[in-house]
Amino acid sequence: MTEPNRTRKRQIRGHLYTLEQFQARYDLLAETAKKLNYRFGPGSVDLDVLMAAKSVP
């Protein structure tokens, strides 16, 4: 199965997390961090809100 064509641009809110920063901050596996970053973008606001909703300290 192929990935859908992503033509919609998402506005980045907050500073940008590198994969390593995001992975370390939330103690994630590398593959999990990569998937979430791809799906929600590298913006810290969006990723922090996501992780808060998942109840990850």
N, C-alpha and C. Protein backbone atom coordinates (compact mmCIF):
# COMPACT_ATOMS: atom_id res chain seq x y z
N MET A 1 0.85 -1.18 0.00
CA MET A 1 0.00 0.00 0.00
C MET A 1 0.89 1.23 0.00
N THR A 2 0.56 2.22 -0.80
CA THR A 2 1.38 3.43 -0.89
C THR A 2 0.83 4.51 0.03
N GLU A 3 1.71 5.45 0.36
CA GLU A 3 1.32 6.58 1.20
C GLU A 3 0.43 7.52 0.39
N PRO A 4 -0.58 8.13 1.01
CA PRO A 4 -1.42 9.10 0.29
C PRO A 4 -0.59 10.33 -0.09
N ASN A 5 -0.99 10.98 -1.17
CA ASN A 5 -0.31 12.19 -1.61
C ASN A 5 -0.64 13.32 -0.64
N ARG A 6 0.37 13.87 -0.02
CA ARG A 6 0.16 14.96 0.95
C ARG A 6 0.41 16.30 0.27
N THR A 7 -0.66 16.98 -0.10
CA THR A 7 -0.53 18.25 -0.77
C THR A 7 -0.86 19.41 0.16
N ARG A 8 -1.54 19.14 1.24
CA ARG A 8 -1.92 20.19 2.18
C ARG A 8 -0.71 20.57 3.03
N LYS A 9 -0.42 21.86 3.09
CA LYS A 9 0.68 22.34 3.93
C LYS A 9 0.13 22.63 5.32
N ARG A 10 0.85 22.16 6.32
CA ARG A 10 0.44 22.37 7.71
C ARG A 10 1.31 23.49 8.28
N GLN A 11 0.66 24.46 8.93
CA GLN A 11 1.40 25.55 9.56
C GLN A 11 2.14 25.00 10.78
N ILE A 12 3.40 25.33 10.90
CA ILE A 12 4.20 24.86 12.03
C ILE A 12 4.06 25.86 13.17
N ARG A 13 3.65 25.35 14.33
CA ARG A 13 3.46 26.21 15.50
C ARG A 13 4.50 25.87 16.54
N GLY A 14 5.12 26.89 17.12
CA GLY A 14 6.15 26.69 18.13
C GLY A 14 7.49 26.41 17.48
N HIS A 15 8.48 26.08 18.31
CA HIS A 15 9.79 25.76 17.75
C HIS A 15 9.75 24.35 17.17
N LEU A 16 10.74 24.03 16.38
CA LEU A 16 10.79 22.72 15.73
C LEU A 16 11.53 21.73 16.61
N TYR A 17 10.94 20.56 16.78
CA TYR A 17 11.63 19.46 17.45
C TYR A 17 12.42 18.68 16.39
N THR A 18 13.63 18.30 16.71
CA THR A 18 14.30 17.29 15.90
C THR A 18 13.72 15.95 16.37
N LEU A 19 13.90 14.92 15.58
CA LEU A 19 13.40 13.60 16.00
C LEU A 19 14.05 13.19 17.31
N GLU A 20 15.34 13.49 17.46
CA GLU A 20 16.05 13.10 18.69
C GLU A 20 15.52 13.84 19.91
N GLN A 21 15.22 15.13 19.76
CA GLN A 21 14.67 15.91 20.87
C GLN A 21 13.29 15.39 21.29
N PHE A 22 12.44 15.14 20.29
CA PHE A 22 11.10 14.65 20.56
C PHE A 22 11.15 13.27 21.21
N GLN A 23 11.98 12.41 20.69
CA GLN A 23 12.13 11.06 21.24
C GLN A 23 12.62 11.10 22.68
N ALA A 24 13.61 11.94 22.95
CA ALA A 24 14.17 12.04 24.30
C ALA A 24 13.17 12.66 25.28
N ARG A 25 12.48 13.70 24.85
CA ARG A 25 11.55 14.38 25.76
C ARG A 25 10.43 13.46 26.24
N TYR A 26 9.94 12.61 25.36
CA TYR A 26 8.81 11.75 25.71
C TYR A 26 9.18 10.28 25.83
N ASP A 27 10.46 9.98 25.84
CA ASP A 27 10.94 8.61 26.02
C ASP A 27 10.27 7.65 25.04
N LEU A 28 10.35 8.00 23.76
CA LEU A 28 9.72 7.22 22.71
C LEU A 28 10.73 6.35 21.98
N LEU A 29 10.25 5.29 21.38
CA LEU A 29 11.08 4.52 20.46
C LEU A 29 11.30 5.36 19.21
N ALA A 30 12.41 5.14 18.53
CA ALA A 30 12.74 5.94 17.34
C ALA A 30 11.65 5.84 16.28
N GLU A 31 11.13 4.65 16.05
CA GLU A 31 10.10 4.46 15.03
C GLU A 31 8.81 5.19 15.39
N THR A 32 8.44 5.18 16.66
CA THR A 32 7.24 5.89 17.12
C THR A 32 7.40 7.39 16.93
N ALA A 33 8.54 7.92 17.32
CA ALA A 33 8.80 9.36 17.16
C ALA A 33 8.75 9.75 15.69
N LYS A 34 9.30 8.93 14.84
CA LYS A 34 9.33 9.20 13.40
C LYS A 34 7.91 9.22 12.83
N LYS A 35 7.08 8.25 13.21
CA LYS A 35 5.71 8.19 12.72
C LYS A 35 4.89 9.40 13.17
N LEU A 36 5.01 9.77 14.44
CA LEU A 36 4.26 10.91 14.96
C LEU A 36 4.73 12.21 14.32
N ASN A 37 6.03 12.34 14.12
CA ASN A 37 6.58 13.54 13.49
C ASN A 37 6.08 13.65 12.05
N TYR A 38 6.04 12.54 11.33
CA TYR A 38 5.55 12.55 9.95
C TYR A 38 4.07 12.91 9.91
N ARG A 39 3.32 12.35 10.82
CA ARG A 39 1.86 12.55 10.80
C ARG A 39 1.42 13.92 11.29
N PHE A 40 2.09 14.46 12.32
CA PHE A 40 1.66 15.71 12.93
C PHE A 40 2.61 16.88 12.71
N GLY A 41 3.76 16.63 12.10
CA GLY A 41 4.72 17.69 11.83
C GLY A 41 5.68 17.88 12.99
N PRO A 42 6.72 18.71 12.78
CA PRO A 42 7.76 18.89 13.79
C PRO A 42 7.48 20.01 14.79
N GLY A 43 6.35 20.69 14.68
CA GLY A 43 6.06 21.82 15.57
C GLY A 43 5.85 21.37 17.00
N SER A 44 6.51 22.07 17.93
CA SER A 44 6.44 21.66 19.33
C SER A 44 5.04 21.80 19.92
N VAL A 45 4.30 22.81 19.50
CA VAL A 45 2.95 23.01 20.06
C VAL A 45 2.06 21.82 19.72
N ASP A 46 2.05 21.42 18.46
CA ASP A 46 1.20 20.30 18.05
C ASP A 46 1.61 18.99 18.71
N LEU A 47 2.91 18.74 18.76
CA LEU A 47 3.38 17.48 19.36
C LEU A 47 3.17 17.47 20.88
N ASP A 48 3.36 18.61 21.54
CA ASP A 48 3.14 18.67 22.98
C ASP A 48 1.67 18.46 23.33
N VAL A 49 0.76 19.05 22.54
CA VAL A 49 -0.67 18.86 22.75
C VAL A 49 -1.05 17.40 22.53
N LEU A 50 -0.51 16.81 21.47
CA LEU A 50 -0.76 15.39 21.20
C LEU A 50 -0.34 14.52 22.36
N MET A 51 0.86 14.73 22.85
CA MET A 51 1.36 13.90 23.93
C MET A 51 0.61 14.15 25.24
N ALA A 52 0.16 15.39 25.46
CA ALA A 52 -0.66 15.68 26.64
C ALA A 52 -1.99 14.93 26.55
N ALA A 53 -2.56 14.87 25.36
CA ALA A 53 -3.83 14.16 25.17
C ALA A 53 -3.64 12.66 25.40
N LYS A 54 -2.45 12.15 25.10
CA LYS A 54 -2.15 10.74 25.32
C LYS A 54 -1.73 10.50 26.77
N SER A 55 -1.69 11.54 27.58
CA SER A 55 -1.31 11.47 29.01
C SER A 55 0.12 10.97 29.20
N VAL A 56 1.02 11.46 28.35
CA VAL A 56 2.44 11.14 28.49
C VAL A 56 3.11 12.33 29.16
N PRO A 57 3.71 12.13 30.34
CA PRO A 57 4.31 13.27 31.07
C PRO A 57 5.49 13.87 30.35
